[in-house]
Amino acid sequence: MWTRLPDSRLLVEASLWSADFKYFAREMERIDPYADMYHIDVTDGHFVPGFLFFADLVAGLRPLTKKPFHVHLMTDNPINHVDDFIAAGADLVTVHMENGPIVPAVLNLIHRKGAASGLALGLDVPIETIKPYLELTDLILIMGTPMGIKGVKPSPFVYERVNQTKKLILSLGLQNVVKVFADGGIRENTVPELRASGVDGVVAGSLAFKSNNLDETFRWFHSMETNPGRLT
């Protein structure tokens, strides 16, 4: 289970969107000794442009690893997809604050189905809006780039947004319960600042799958042992 992952170092999710789609099994075999989790983006062509991943594909990938699967639903009506993805093997399912009034119902459903729940915030979502839902949530996913787009620079405000999120969680005494991850714009020059801002983990795409030396890359990730944040 993802809740058993270590707390002392930066956690790394390998984003399957950056894998070579022709060779999923080979790609996962190569990175499996290093990644803490796999991040699976699901898009429906409505909530964000384009289509990514579906439940039957996730079920097909599930036997390839014992590592946790984090399914990130960037969809309209995510409540309609929760059952299928958990049945397919998702350990953690994240929905977006932008889904509006149905968010608490979706988070509750995820827990009832036996998975952990995550709540994602796009670039324009105020951090304080998550406060009513933090006790229903196991992970907050801070988006650093526009949803559904790869290869762009992160917003310069993402570091402060991470820090604000950590402060809010700390103020409610949930720092040992709710983790904060960053997704989008994960690069060599952004990871140290994200870690210093308080992230517990990052969603690494090309930085992981395109690495020519996974030993070195993940030693670098895991060298960021401390997570003080800027909580003053």
Protein backbone atom coordinates (compact mmCIF):
# COMPACT_ATOMS: atom_id res chain seq x y z
CA MET A 1 0.00 0.00 0.00
CA TRP A 2 1.15 3.52 -0.71
CA THR A 3 0.65 4.48 2.96
CA ARG A 4 3.60 2.26 3.85
CA LEU A 5 6.03 4.28 1.77
CA PRO A 6 8.89 5.95 3.65
CA ASP A 7 8.42 9.42 5.12
CA SER A 8 12.09 10.34 5.42
CA ARG A 9 12.86 10.99 1.77
CA LEU A 10 11.30 12.45 -1.34
CA LEU A 11 8.83 10.02 -2.89
CA VAL A 12 8.84 9.59 -6.66
CA GLU A 13 5.90 8.60 -8.82
CA ALA A 14 6.81 7.44 -12.32
CA SER A 15 4.29 8.89 -14.76
CA LEU A 16 3.29 6.26 -17.31
CA TRP A 17 2.35 9.04 -19.72
CA SER A 18 6.08 9.41 -20.32
CA ALA A 19 6.73 5.71 -20.90
CA ASP A 20 7.17 4.29 -24.38
CA PHE A 21 3.64 3.13 -25.11
CA LYS A 22 4.91 0.38 -27.44
CA TYR A 23 6.78 -1.30 -24.58
CA PHE A 24 4.90 -0.77 -21.33
CA ALA A 25 6.09 -4.05 -19.82
CA ARG A 26 9.73 -3.38 -20.67
CA GLU A 27 9.56 0.20 -19.45
CA MET A 28 7.99 -0.80 -16.13
CA GLU A 29 10.47 -3.63 -15.61
CA ARG A 30 13.32 -1.15 -16.04
CA ILE A 31 12.00 1.46 -13.64
CA ASP A 32 10.25 -0.76 -11.10
CA PRO A 33 13.23 -1.16 -8.74
CA TYR A 34 13.38 2.62 -8.35
CA ALA A 35 9.90 4.17 -8.44
CA ASP A 36 7.78 4.39 -5.30
CA MET A 37 4.51 4.49 -7.25
CA TYR A 38 3.14 4.72 -10.76
CA HIS A 39 1.12 7.76 -11.79
CA ILE A 40 -1.65 7.12 -14.31
CA ASP A 41 -3.30 10.14 -15.91
CA VAL A 42 -6.86 9.60 -17.09
CA THR A 43 -8.41 12.18 -19.42
CA ASP A 44 -11.72 12.14 -21.25
CA GLY A 45 -11.32 14.83 -23.92
CA HIS A 46 -13.74 17.13 -22.07
CA PHE A 47 -12.23 18.12 -18.74
CA VAL A 48 -8.90 18.56 -20.53
CA PRO A 49 -7.97 18.04 -24.19
CA GLY A 50 -7.08 14.57 -25.40
CA PHE A 51 -7.55 11.03 -24.13
CA LEU A 52 -5.26 9.11 -21.79
CA PHE A 53 -5.54 5.68 -20.19
CA PHE A 54 -8.64 3.67 -19.35
CA ALA A 55 -9.61 1.05 -16.79
CA ASP A 56 -8.99 -2.05 -18.94
CA LEU A 57 -5.47 -0.84 -19.71
CA VAL A 58 -4.79 -0.26 -16.01
CA ALA A 59 -6.04 -3.79 -15.29
CA GLY A 60 -3.65 -5.09 -17.94
CA LEU A 61 -0.70 -3.27 -16.37
CA ARG A 62 -1.53 -4.24 -12.80
CA PRO A 63 0.15 -7.70 -12.86
CA LEU A 64 3.43 -6.13 -14.00
CA THR A 65 4.26 -4.60 -10.59
CA LYS A 66 3.45 -4.68 -6.90
CA LYS A 67 4.07 -0.94 -6.60
CA PRO A 68 1.00 1.26 -5.88
CA PHE A 69 -1.01 2.71 -8.77
CA HIS A 70 -2.11 6.35 -8.43
CA VAL A 71 -4.93 7.09 -10.85
CA HIS A 72 -5.36 10.82 -11.52
CA LEU A 73 -8.84 11.49 -12.90
CA MET A 74 -8.92 14.58 -15.09
CA THR A 75 -12.48 13.92 -16.20
CA ASP A 76 -16.00 15.23 -16.04
CA ASN A 77 -18.17 13.26 -13.59
CA PRO A 78 -15.27 11.37 -11.95
CA ILE A 79 -17.73 9.58 -9.68
CA ASN A 80 -18.70 7.50 -12.72
CA HIS A 81 -15.15 6.14 -13.08
CA VAL A 82 -14.14 5.36 -9.50
CA ASP A 83 -15.50 1.81 -9.36
CA ASP A 84 -13.86 0.75 -12.63
CA PHE A 85 -10.40 2.05 -11.78
CA ILE A 86 -10.37 0.65 -8.27
CA ALA A 87 -11.51 -2.71 -9.64
CA ALA A 88 -8.66 -2.44 -12.16
CA GLY A 89 -6.12 -2.09 -9.37
CA ALA A 90 -5.85 1.58 -8.35
CA ASP A 91 -4.54 2.04 -4.81
CA LEU A 92 -5.02 5.80 -4.79
CA VAL A 93 -7.52 7.81 -6.85
CA THR A 94 -7.26 11.59 -7.21
CA VAL A 95 -10.00 13.94 -8.40
CA HIS A 96 -9.93 17.67 -9.04
CA MET A 97 -11.27 20.51 -6.95
CA GLU A 98 -12.53 21.88 -10.27
CA ASN A 99 -15.14 19.10 -10.26
CA GLY A 100 -17.05 21.28 -7.80
CA PRO A 101 -19.90 20.18 -5.54
CA ILE A 102 -19.50 16.46 -6.22
CA VAL A 103 -15.98 16.39 -4.74
CA PRO A 104 -16.92 15.20 -1.21
CA ALA A 105 -19.15 12.46 -2.60
CA VAL A 106 -16.31 11.22 -4.82
CA LEU A 107 -13.78 11.25 -1.97
CA ASN A 108 -16.16 9.31 0.25
CA LEU A 109 -16.85 6.78 -2.49
CA ILE A 110 -13.14 6.19 -3.04
CA HIS A 111 -12.69 5.39 0.64
CA ARG A 112 -15.76 3.15 0.75
CA LYS A 113 -14.30 1.16 -2.13
CA GLY A 114 -11.10 0.59 -0.18
CA ALA A 115 -8.68 2.98 -1.87
CA ALA A 116 -6.91 6.12 -0.71
CA SER A 117 -8.15 9.46 -2.01
CA GLY A 118 -6.38 12.43 -3.50
CA LEU A 119 -7.46 15.97 -4.31
CA ALA A 120 -5.78 17.89 -7.13
CA LEU A 121 -5.66 21.65 -7.60
CA GLY A 122 -5.20 23.32 -10.97
CA LEU A 123 -3.20 26.51 -11.23
CA ASP A 124 -6.12 28.85 -10.60
CA VAL A 125 -7.72 27.05 -7.63
CA PRO A 126 -7.21 28.94 -4.33
CA ILE A 127 -5.44 26.79 -1.77
CA GLU A 128 -7.89 27.60 1.03
CA THR A 129 -10.74 25.92 -0.87
CA ILE A 130 -9.40 22.49 0.08
CA LYS A 131 -9.79 23.07 3.83
CA PRO A 132 -13.27 21.51 4.18
CA TYR A 133 -12.09 18.34 2.44
CA LEU A 134 -8.73 17.67 4.08
CA GLU A 135 -10.13 15.14 6.55
CA LEU A 136 -11.50 13.19 3.56
CA THR A 137 -8.19 13.28 1.72
CA ASP A 138 -4.92 11.34 1.89
CA LEU A 139 -2.96 13.35 -0.67
CA ILE A 140 -3.04 16.84 -2.16
CA LEU A 141 -1.70 17.07 -5.71
CA ILE A 142 -0.50 20.55 -6.64
CA MET A 143 -0.43 21.10 -10.40
CA GLY A 144 2.49 23.18 -11.58
CA THR A 145 1.51 23.37 -15.26
CA PRO A 146 -1.77 23.51 -17.20
CA MET A 147 -3.58 20.18 -17.08
CA GLY A 148 -3.12 17.75 -19.94
CA ILE A 149 0.00 19.43 -21.35
CA LYS A 150 3.54 18.04 -21.18
CA GLY A 151 6.90 19.72 -21.58
CA VAL A 152 6.13 23.25 -20.39
CA LYS A 153 7.75 25.26 -17.62
CA PRO A 154 5.98 25.32 -14.26
CA SER A 155 4.23 28.35 -12.91
CA PRO A 156 6.56 30.51 -10.81
CA PHE A 157 3.86 30.47 -8.11
CA VAL A 158 3.86 26.68 -7.64
CA TYR A 159 6.46 26.79 -4.86
CA GLU A 160 4.44 29.19 -2.75
CA ARG A 161 1.29 27.17 -3.43
CA VAL A 162 3.02 24.06 -2.09
CA ASN A 163 4.15 25.98 0.97
CA GLN A 164 0.66 27.37 1.61
CA THR A 165 -0.77 23.87 1.37
CA LYS A 166 1.74 22.50 3.88
CA LYS A 167 0.98 25.33 6.28
CA LEU A 168 -2.76 24.69 6.03
CA ILE A 169 -2.29 20.97 6.68
CA LEU A 170 -0.02 21.71 9.64
CA SER A 171 -2.52 24.18 11.11
CA LEU A 172 -5.12 21.40 11.20
CA GLY A 173 -2.77 18.86 12.74
CA LEU A 174 -2.94 16.60 9.68
CA GLN A 175 0.75 16.66 8.74
CA ASN A 176 1.11 12.94 9.49
CA VAL A 177 -2.00 12.06 7.50
CA VAL A 178 -2.08 14.14 4.31
CA LYS A 179 0.86 14.14 1.91
CA VAL A 180 1.56 16.86 -0.67
CA PHE A 181 2.80 15.95 -4.14
CA ALA A 182 3.70 18.16 -7.11
CA ASP A 183 2.80 17.32 -10.70
CA GLY A 184 3.93 19.12 -13.86
CA GLY A 185 7.21 20.81 -14.68
CA ILE A 186 9.27 18.30 -12.70
CA ARG A 187 12.81 19.09 -13.81
CA GLU A 188 16.31 19.07 -12.36
CA ASN A 189 16.05 22.77 -11.59
CA THR A 190 12.57 22.60 -10.02
CA VAL A 191 12.73 19.52 -7.77
CA PRO A 192 15.10 21.00 -5.13
CA GLU A 193 12.91 24.10 -4.76
CA LEU A 194 9.75 22.01 -4.60
CA ARG A 195 11.31 19.89 -1.88
CA ALA A 196 12.40 22.98 0.03
CA SER A 197 8.83 24.28 -0.26
CA GLY A 198 7.55 21.17 1.45
CA VAL A 199 6.55 18.51 -1.08
CA ASP A 200 6.52 14.91 0.07
CA GLY A 201 6.69 13.59 -3.48
CA VAL A 202 6.84 14.46 -7.16
CA VAL A 203 5.34 13.01 -10.33
CA ALA A 204 8.33 12.40 -12.57
CA GLY A 205 7.76 11.80 -16.27
CA SER A 206 10.64 12.25 -18.67
CA LEU A 207 13.03 12.87 -15.78
CA ALA A 208 12.48 9.24 -14.80
CA PHE A 209 11.62 7.34 -17.98
CA LYS A 210 14.11 9.16 -20.22
CA SER A 211 16.99 8.79 -17.78
CA ASN A 212 20.05 6.99 -19.11
CA ASN A 213 21.22 6.17 -15.59
CA LEU A 214 18.37 5.32 -13.24
CA ASP A 215 20.73 4.54 -10.35
CA GLU A 216 22.15 8.05 -10.51
CA THR A 217 18.80 9.74 -11.15
CA PHE A 218 17.05 8.14 -8.20
CA ARG A 219 20.01 8.60 -5.89
CA TRP A 220 19.66 12.29 -6.71
CA PHE A 221 15.93 12.23 -5.97
CA HIS A 222 16.42 10.38 -2.71
CA SER A 223 19.35 12.54 -1.60
CA MET A 224 16.76 15.18 -0.68
CA GLU A 225 16.14 13.54 2.67
CA THR A 226 14.83 16.44 4.69
CA ASN A 227 11.50 18.12 4.19
CA PRO A 228 11.46 21.19 6.44
CA GLY A 229 9.26 23.32 4.19
CA ARG A 230 9.10 27.06 4.74
CA LEU A 231 6.50 27.07 7.46
CA THR A 232 7.39 30.30 9.19
